[in-house]
Amino acid sequence: MTNAIIRNRHIVFISEGGSETSTTRAQLEKDTAELVHRIETKIKSESQLAIARETLALYGRALELAKANGL
């Protein structure tokens, strides 16, 4: 499971293996909108839809964390 933290005014996603990916709130909002568009228009298989939903849930939690931390 990937977790999200706030570090140096960035949202940092940390995978189970320890790798980190950093992004800004603005970029995450853009990525979220793109993912929603893909879910609505392109994703057809149940497995892809399940992955997209998990990713969308993670993005939502990260955005809430960003808002709570004043980003």
PDB file of N, CA and C in Angstrom:
ATOM      1  N   MET A   1       0.844  -1.181   0.000  1.00  0.00           N
ATOM      2  CA  MET A   1       0.000   0.000   0.000  1.00  0.00           C
ATOM      3  C   MET A   1       0.887   1.242   0.000  1.00  0.00           C
ATOM      4  N   THR A   2       0.540   2.191  -0.805  1.00  0.00           N
ATOM      5  CA  THR A   2       1.269   3.443  -0.884  1.00  0.00           C
ATOM      6  C   THR A   2       0.673   4.437   0.104  1.00  0.00           C
ATOM      7  N   ASN A   3       1.540   5.183   0.763  1.00  0.00           N
ATOM      8  CA  ASN A   3       1.115   6.218   1.701  1.00  0.00           C
ATOM      9  C   ASN A   3       1.535   7.578   1.172  1.00  0.00           C
ATOM     10  N   ALA A   4       0.900   8.611   1.687  1.00  0.00           N
ATOM     11  CA  ALA A   4       1.242   9.979   1.303  1.00  0.00           C
ATOM     12  C   ALA A   4       1.584  10.775   2.553  1.00  0.00           C
ATOM     13  N   ILE A   5       2.624  11.594   2.428  1.00  0.00           N
ATOM     14  CA  ILE A   5       3.015  12.505   3.496  1.00  0.00           C
ATOM     15  C   ILE A   5       3.272  13.876   2.883  1.00  0.00           C
ATOM     16  N   ILE A   6       3.394  14.876   3.732  1.00  0.00           N
ATOM     17  CA  ILE A   6       3.759  16.219   3.286  1.00  0.00           C
ATOM     18  C   ILE A   6       5.198  16.467   3.708  1.00  0.00           C
ATOM     19  N   ARG A   7       6.023  16.890   2.741  1.00  0.00           N
ATOM     20  CA  ARG A   7       7.412  17.221   3.034  1.00  0.00           C
ATOM     21  C   ARG A   7       7.814  18.409   2.162  1.00  0.00           C
ATOM     22  N   ASN A   8       8.301  19.453   2.787  1.00  0.00           N
ATOM     23  CA  ASN A   8       8.773  20.647   2.063  1.00  0.00           C
ATOM     24  C   ASN A   8       7.730  21.175   1.077  1.00  0.00           C
ATOM     25  N   ARG A   9       6.492  21.274   1.549  1.00  0.00           N
ATOM     26  CA  ARG A   9       5.374  21.800   0.758  1.00  0.00           C
ATOM     27  C   ARG A   9       5.063  20.967  -0.478  1.00  0.00           C
ATOM     28  N   HIS A  10       5.473  19.713  -0.477  1.00  0.00           N
ATOM     29  CA  HIS A  10       5.146  18.783  -1.550  1.00  0.00           C
ATOM     30  C   HIS A  10       4.434  17.568  -0.959  1.00  0.00           C
ATOM     31  N   ILE A  11       3.637  16.928  -1.783  1.00  0.00           N
ATOM     32  CA  ILE A  11       3.011  15.665  -1.411  1.00  0.00           C
ATOM     33  C   ILE A  11       3.971  14.573  -1.855  1.00  0.00           C
ATOM     34  N   VAL A  12       4.338  13.708  -0.927  1.00  0.00           N
ATOM     35  CA  VAL A  12       5.279  12.633  -1.232  1.00  0.00           C
ATOM     36  C   VAL A  12       4.557  11.307  -1.052  1.00  0.00           C
ATOM     37  N   PHE A  13       4.519  10.516  -2.138  1.00  0.00           N
ATOM     38  CA  PHE A  13       3.958   9.174  -2.078  1.00  0.00           C
ATOM     39  C   PHE A  13       5.095   8.210  -1.787  1.00  0.00           C
ATOM     40  N   ILE A  14       4.891   7.328  -0.808  1.00  0.00           N
ATOM     41  CA  ILE A  14       5.910   6.351  -0.424  1.00  0.00           C
ATOM     42  C   ILE A  14       5.320   4.959  -0.629  1.00  0.00           C
ATOM     43  N   SER A  15       5.971   4.167  -1.488  1.00  0.00           N
ATOM     44  CA  SER A  15       5.489   2.816  -1.762  1.00  0.00           C
ATOM     45  C   SER A  15       5.916   1.863  -0.653  1.00  0.00           C
ATOM     46  N   GLU A  16       5.356   0.659  -0.673  1.00  0.00           N
ATOM     47  CA  GLU A  16       5.730  -0.350   0.314  1.00  0.00           C
ATOM     48  C   GLU A  16       7.221  -0.645   0.261  1.00  0.00           C
ATOM     49  N   GLY A  17       7.805  -0.572  -0.922  1.00  0.00           N
ATOM     50  CA  GLY A  17       9.227  -0.833  -1.088  1.00  0.00           C
ATOM     51  C   GLY A  17      10.118   0.320  -0.668  1.00  0.00           C
ATOM     52  N   GLY A  18       9.514   1.450  -0.332  1.00  0.00           N
ATOM     53  CA  GLY A  18      10.280   2.593   0.140  1.00  0.00           C
ATOM     54  C   GLY A  18      10.593   3.638  -0.910  1.00  0.00           C
ATOM     55  N   SER A  19      10.221   3.391  -2.174  1.00  0.00           N
ATOM     56  CA  SER A  19      10.492   4.407  -3.187  1.00  0.00           C
ATOM     57  C   SER A  19       9.532   5.579  -3.004  1.00  0.00           C
ATOM     58  N   GLU A  20      10.008   6.769  -3.345  1.00  0.00           N
ATOM     59  CA  GLU A  20       9.239   7.992  -3.136  1.00  0.00           C
ATOM     60  C   GLU A  20       9.020   8.731  -4.445  1.00  0.00           C
ATOM     61  N   THR A  21       7.840   9.320  -4.563  1.00  0.00           N
ATOM     62  CA  THR A  21       7.500  10.181  -5.687  1.00  0.00           C
ATOM     63  C   THR A  21       6.909  11.454  -5.111  1.00  0.00           C
ATOM     64  N   SER A  22       7.453  12.592  -5.519  1.00  0.00           N
ATOM     65  CA  SER A  22       7.021  13.879  -4.988  1.00  0.00           C
ATOM     66  C   SER A  22       6.238  14.646  -6.048  1.00  0.00           C
ATOM     67  N   THR A  23       5.210  15.358  -5.614  1.00  0.00           N
ATOM     68  CA  THR A  23       4.416  16.170  -6.526  1.00  0.00           C
ATOM     69  C   THR A  23       3.863  17.382  -5.776  1.00  0.00           C
ATOM     70  N   THR A  24       3.360  18.319  -6.522  1.00  0.00           N
ATOM     71  CA  THR A  24       2.709  19.482  -5.921  1.00  0.00           C
ATOM     72  C   THR A  24       1.201  19.255  -5.888  1.00  0.00           C
ATOM     73  N   ARG A  25       0.518  20.059  -5.106  1.00  0.00           N
ATOM     74  CA  ARG A  25      -0.942  19.945  -5.048  1.00  0.00           C
ATOM     75  C   ARG A  25      -1.545  20.244  -6.417  1.00  0.00           C
ATOM     76  N   ALA A  26      -1.042  21.260  -7.092  1.00  0.00           N
ATOM     77  CA  ALA A  26      -1.579  21.622  -8.406  1.00  0.00           C
ATOM     78  C   ALA A  26      -1.424  20.468  -9.394  1.00  0.00           C
ATOM     79  N   GLN A  27      -0.269  19.828  -9.392  1.00  0.00           N
ATOM     80  CA  GLN A  27      -0.046  18.705 -10.300  1.00  0.00           C
ATOM     81  C   GLN A  27      -0.946  17.532  -9.932  1.00  0.00           C
ATOM     82  N   LEU A  28      -1.122  17.284  -8.640  1.00  0.00           N
ATOM     83  CA  LEU A  28      -1.981  16.180  -8.211  1.00  0.00           C
ATOM     84  C   LEU A  28      -3.435  16.445  -8.606  1.00  0.00           C
ATOM     85  N   GLU A  29      -3.878  17.683  -8.504  1.00  0.00           N
ATOM     86  CA  GLU A  29      -5.235  18.017  -8.946  1.00  0.00           C
ATOM     87  C   GLU A  29      -5.384  17.769 -10.443  1.00  0.00           C
ATOM     88  N   LYS A  30      -4.367  18.118 -11.222  1.00  0.00           N
ATOM     89  CA  LYS A  30      -4.386  17.866 -12.667  1.00  0.00           C
ATOM     90  C   LYS A  30      -4.405  16.363 -12.944  1.00  0.00           C
ATOM     91  N   ASP A  31      -3.554  15.612 -12.252  1.00  0.00           N
ATOM     92  CA  ASP A  31      -3.507  14.160 -12.436  1.00  0.00           C
ATOM     93  C   ASP A  31      -4.836  13.513 -12.064  1.00  0.00           C
ATOM     94  N   THR A  32      -5.475  14.023 -11.016  1.00  0.00           N
ATOM     95  CA  THR A  32      -6.772  13.493 -10.589  1.00  0.00           C
ATOM     96  C   THR A  32      -7.821  13.720 -11.672  1.00  0.00           C
ATOM     97  N   ALA A  33      -7.852  14.911 -12.234  1.00  0.00           N
ATOM     98  CA  ALA A  33      -8.814  15.215 -13.302  1.00  0.00           C
ATOM     99  C   ALA A  33      -8.578  14.320 -14.517  1.00  0.00           C
ATOM    100  N   GLU A  34      -7.314  14.091 -14.867  1.00  0.00           N
ATOM    101  CA  GLU A  34      -6.993  13.221 -15.999  1.00  0.00           C
ATOM    102  C   GLU A  34      -7.428  11.785 -15.724  1.00  0.00           C
ATOM    103  N   LEU A  35      -7.221  11.311 -14.499  1.00  0.00           N
ATOM    104  CA  LEU A  35      -7.619   9.955 -14.140  1.00  0.00           C
ATOM    105  C   LEU A  35      -9.137   9.804 -14.196  1.00  0.00           C
ATOM    106  N   VAL A  36      -9.864  10.781 -13.689  1.00  0.00           N
ATOM    107  CA  VAL A  36     -11.330  10.738 -13.753  1.00  0.00           C
ATOM    108  C   VAL A  36     -11.779  10.682 -15.208  1.00  0.00           C
ATOM    109  N   HIS A  37     -11.161  11.471 -16.066  1.00  0.00           N
ATOM    110  CA  HIS A  37     -11.500  11.465 -17.493  1.00  0.00           C
ATOM    111  C   HIS A  37     -11.238  10.086 -18.098  1.00  0.00           C
ATOM    112  N   ARG A  38     -10.097   9.477 -17.764  1.00  0.00           N
ATOM    113  CA  ARG A  38      -9.791   8.136 -18.284  1.00  0.00           C
ATOM    114  C   ARG A  38     -10.803   7.114 -17.794  1.00  0.00           C
ATOM    115  N   ILE A  39     -11.192   7.209 -16.527  1.00  0.00           N
ATOM    116  CA  ILE A  39     -12.188   6.275 -15.984  1.00  0.00           C
ATOM    117  C   ILE A  39     -13.502   6.412 -16.756  1.00  0.00           C
ATOM    118  N   GLU A  40     -13.890   7.643 -17.032  1.00  0.00           N
ATOM    119  CA  GLU A  40     -15.166   7.892 -17.699  1.00  0.00           C
ATOM    120  C   GLU A  40     -15.152   7.522 -19.179  1.00  0.00           C
ATOM    121  N   THR A  41     -13.993   7.605 -19.827  1.00  0.00           N
ATOM    122  CA  THR A  41     -13.978   7.464 -21.286  1.00  0.00           C
ATOM    123  C   THR A  41     -13.190   6.285 -21.837  1.00  0.00           C
ATOM    124  N   LYS A  42     -12.187   5.795 -21.130  1.00  0.00           N
ATOM    125  CA  LYS A  42     -11.284   4.836 -21.759  1.00  0.00           C
ATOM    126  C   LYS A  42     -11.173   3.494 -21.065  1.00  0.00           C
ATOM    127  N   ILE A  43     -11.311   3.456 -19.772  1.00  0.00           N
ATOM    128  CA  ILE A  43     -11.079   2.214 -19.044  1.00  0.00           C
ATOM    129  C   ILE A  43     -12.296   1.314 -19.184  1.00  0.00           C
ATOM    130  N   LYS A  44     -12.047   0.096 -19.672  1.00  0.00           N
ATOM    131  CA  LYS A  44     -13.144  -0.833 -19.924  1.00  0.00           C
ATOM    132  C   LYS A  44     -13.087  -2.069 -19.033  1.00  0.00           C
ATOM    133  N   SER A  45     -11.894  -2.576 -18.748  1.00  0.00           N
ATOM    134  CA  SER A  45     -11.806  -3.831 -17.996  1.00  0.00           C
ATOM    135  C   SER A  45     -11.984  -3.591 -16.504  1.00  0.00           C
ATOM    136  N   GLU A  46     -12.514  -4.590 -15.834  1.00  0.00           N
ATOM    137  CA  GLU A  46     -12.733  -4.498 -14.390  1.00  0.00           C
ATOM    138  C   GLU A  46     -11.415  -4.357 -13.634  1.00  0.00           C
ATOM    139  N   SER A  47     -10.364  -5.037 -14.099  1.00  0.00           N
ATOM    140  CA  SER A  47      -9.081  -4.952 -13.392  1.00  0.00           C
ATOM    141  C   SER A  47      -8.487  -3.549 -13.506  1.00  0.00           C
ATOM    142  N   GLN A  48      -8.569  -2.954 -14.685  1.00  0.00           N
ATOM    143  CA  GLN A  48      -8.083  -1.584 -14.854  1.00  0.00           C
ATOM    144  C   GLN A  48      -8.917  -0.614 -14.032  1.00  0.00           C
ATOM    145  N   LEU A  49     -10.213  -0.848 -13.983  1.00  0.00           N
ATOM    146  CA  LEU A  49     -11.102   0.018 -13.214  1.00  0.00           C
ATOM    147  C   LEU A  49     -10.792  -0.076 -11.723  1.00  0.00           C
ATOM    148  N   ALA A  50     -10.502  -1.268 -11.239  1.00  0.00           N
ATOM    149  CA  ALA A  50     -10.164  -1.443  -9.823  1.00  0.00           C
ATOM    150  C   ALA A  50      -8.885  -0.689  -9.472  1.00  0.00           C
ATOM    151  N   ILE A  51      -7.882  -0.777 -10.331  1.00  0.00           N
ATOM    152  CA  ILE A  51      -6.620  -0.062 -10.101  1.00  0.00           C
ATOM    153  C   ILE A  51      -6.858   1.443 -10.134  1.00  0.00           C
ATOM    154  N   ALA A  52      -7.635   1.901 -11.094  1.00  0.00           N
ATOM    155  CA  ALA A  52      -7.926   3.333 -11.208  1.00  0.00           C
ATOM    156  C   ALA A  52      -8.670   3.841  -9.976  1.00  0.00           C
ATOM    157  N   ARG A  53      -9.603   3.053  -9.470  1.00  0.00           N
ATOM    158  CA  ARG A  53     -10.343   3.462  -8.269  1.00  0.00           C
ATOM    159  C   ARG A  53      -9.426   3.545  -7.056  1.00  0.00           C
ATOM    160  N   GLU A  54      -8.526   2.581  -6.912  1.00  0.00           N
ATOM    161  CA  GLU A  54      -7.566   2.620  -5.803  1.00  0.00           C
ATOM    162  C   GLU A  54      -6.681   3.855  -5.906  1.00  0.00           C
ATOM    163  N   THR A  55      -6.225   4.146  -7.110  1.00  0.00           N
ATOM    164  CA  THR A  55      -5.379   5.321  -7.328  1.00  0.00           C
ATOM    165  C   THR A  55      -6.154   6.597  -7.020  1.00  0.00           C
ATOM    166  N   LEU A  56      -7.386   6.654  -7.462  1.00  0.00           N
ATOM    167  CA  LEU A  56      -8.219   7.826  -7.204  1.00  0.00           C
ATOM    168  C   LEU A  56      -8.445   8.018  -5.706  1.00  0.00           C
ATOM    169  N   ALA A  57      -8.643   6.937  -4.983  1.00  0.00           N
ATOM    170  CA  ALA A  57      -8.815   7.024  -3.528  1.00  0.00           C
ATOM    171  C   ALA A  57      -7.539   7.546  -2.869  1.00  0.00           C
ATOM    172  N   LEU A  58      -6.381   7.071  -3.325  1.00  0.00           N
ATOM    173  CA  LEU A  58      -5.104   7.545  -2.797  1.00  0.00           C
ATOM    174  C   LEU A  58      -4.930   9.034  -3.081  1.00  0.00           C
ATOM    175  N   TYR A  59      -5.229   9.456  -4.306  1.00  0.00           N
ATOM    176  CA  TYR A  59      -5.130  10.873  -4.656  1.00  0.00           C
ATOM    177  C   TYR A  59      -6.048  11.708  -3.770  1.00  0.00           C
ATOM    178  N   GLY A  60      -7.251  11.215  -3.532  1.00  0.00           N
ATOM    179  CA  GLY A  60      -8.195  11.939  -2.682  1.00  0.00           C
ATOM    180  C   GLY A  60      -7.668  12.110  -1.267  1.00  0.00           C
ATOM    181  N   ARG A  61      -7.105  11.033  -0.708  1.00  0.00           N
ATOM    182  CA  ARG A  61      -6.530  11.124   0.645  1.00  0.00           C
ATOM    183  C   ARG A  61      -5.359  12.102   0.659  1.00  0.00           C
ATOM    184  N   ALA A  62      -4.544  12.077  -0.379  1.00  0.00           N
ATOM    185  CA  ALA A  62      -3.390  12.978  -0.445  1.00  0.00           C
ATOM    186  C   ALA A  62      -3.839  14.432  -0.559  1.00  0.00           C
ATOM    187  N   LEU A  63      -4.878  14.684  -1.336  1.00  0.00           N
ATOM    188  CA  LEU A  63      -5.380  16.055  -1.454  1.00  0.00           C
ATOM    189  C   LEU A  63      -5.965  16.544  -0.140  1.00  0.00           C
ATOM    190  N   GLU A  64      -6.655  15.682   0.583  1.00  0.00           N
ATOM    191  CA  GLU A  64      -7.168  16.060   1.903  1.00  0.00           C
ATOM    192  C   GLU A  64      -6.016  16.371   2.856  1.00  0.00           C
ATOM    193  N   LEU A  65      -4.971  15.575   2.800  1.00  0.00           N
ATOM    194  CA  LEU A  65      -3.786  15.809   3.626  1.00  0.00           C
ATOM    195  C   LEU A  65      -3.159  17.155   3.275  1.00  0.00           C
ATOM    196  N   ALA A  66      -3.073  17.446   1.985  1.00  0.00           N
ATOM    197  CA  ALA A  66      -2.505  18.726   1.545  1.00  0.00           C
ATOM    198  C   ALA A  66      -3.337  19.898   2.061  1.00  0.00           C
ATOM    199  N   LYS A  67      -4.645  19.780   1.940  1.00  0.00           N
ATOM    200  CA  LYS A  67      -5.526  20.852   2.424  1.00  0.00           C
ATOM    201  C   LYS A  67      -5.375  21.037   3.929  1.00  0.00           C
ATOM    202  N   ALA A  68      -5.309  19.939   4.654  1.00  0.00           N
ATOM    203  CA  ALA A  68      -5.180  20.005   6.113  1.00  0.00           C
ATOM    204  C   ALA A  68      -3.860  20.644   6.539  1.00  0.00           C
ATOM    205  N   ASN A  69      -2.857  20.579   5.656  1.00  0.00           N
ATOM    206  CA  ASN A  69      -1.549  21.147   5.962  1.00  0.00           C
ATOM    207  C   ASN A  69      -1.321  22.498   5.285  1.00  0.00           C
ATOM    208  N   GLY A  70      -2.397  23.096   4.800  1.00  0.00           N
ATOM    209  CA  GLY A  70      -2.307  24.441   4.248  1.00  0.00           C
ATOM    210  C   GLY A  70      -1.664  24.549   2.887  1.00  0.00           C
ATOM    211  N   LEU A  71      -1.618  23.477   2.136  1.00  0.00           N
ATOM    212  CA  LEU A  71      -1.044  23.547   0.782  1.00  0.00           C
ATOM    213  C   LEU A  71      -2.094  23.904  -0.237  1.00  0.00           C
TER     214      LEU A  71
END
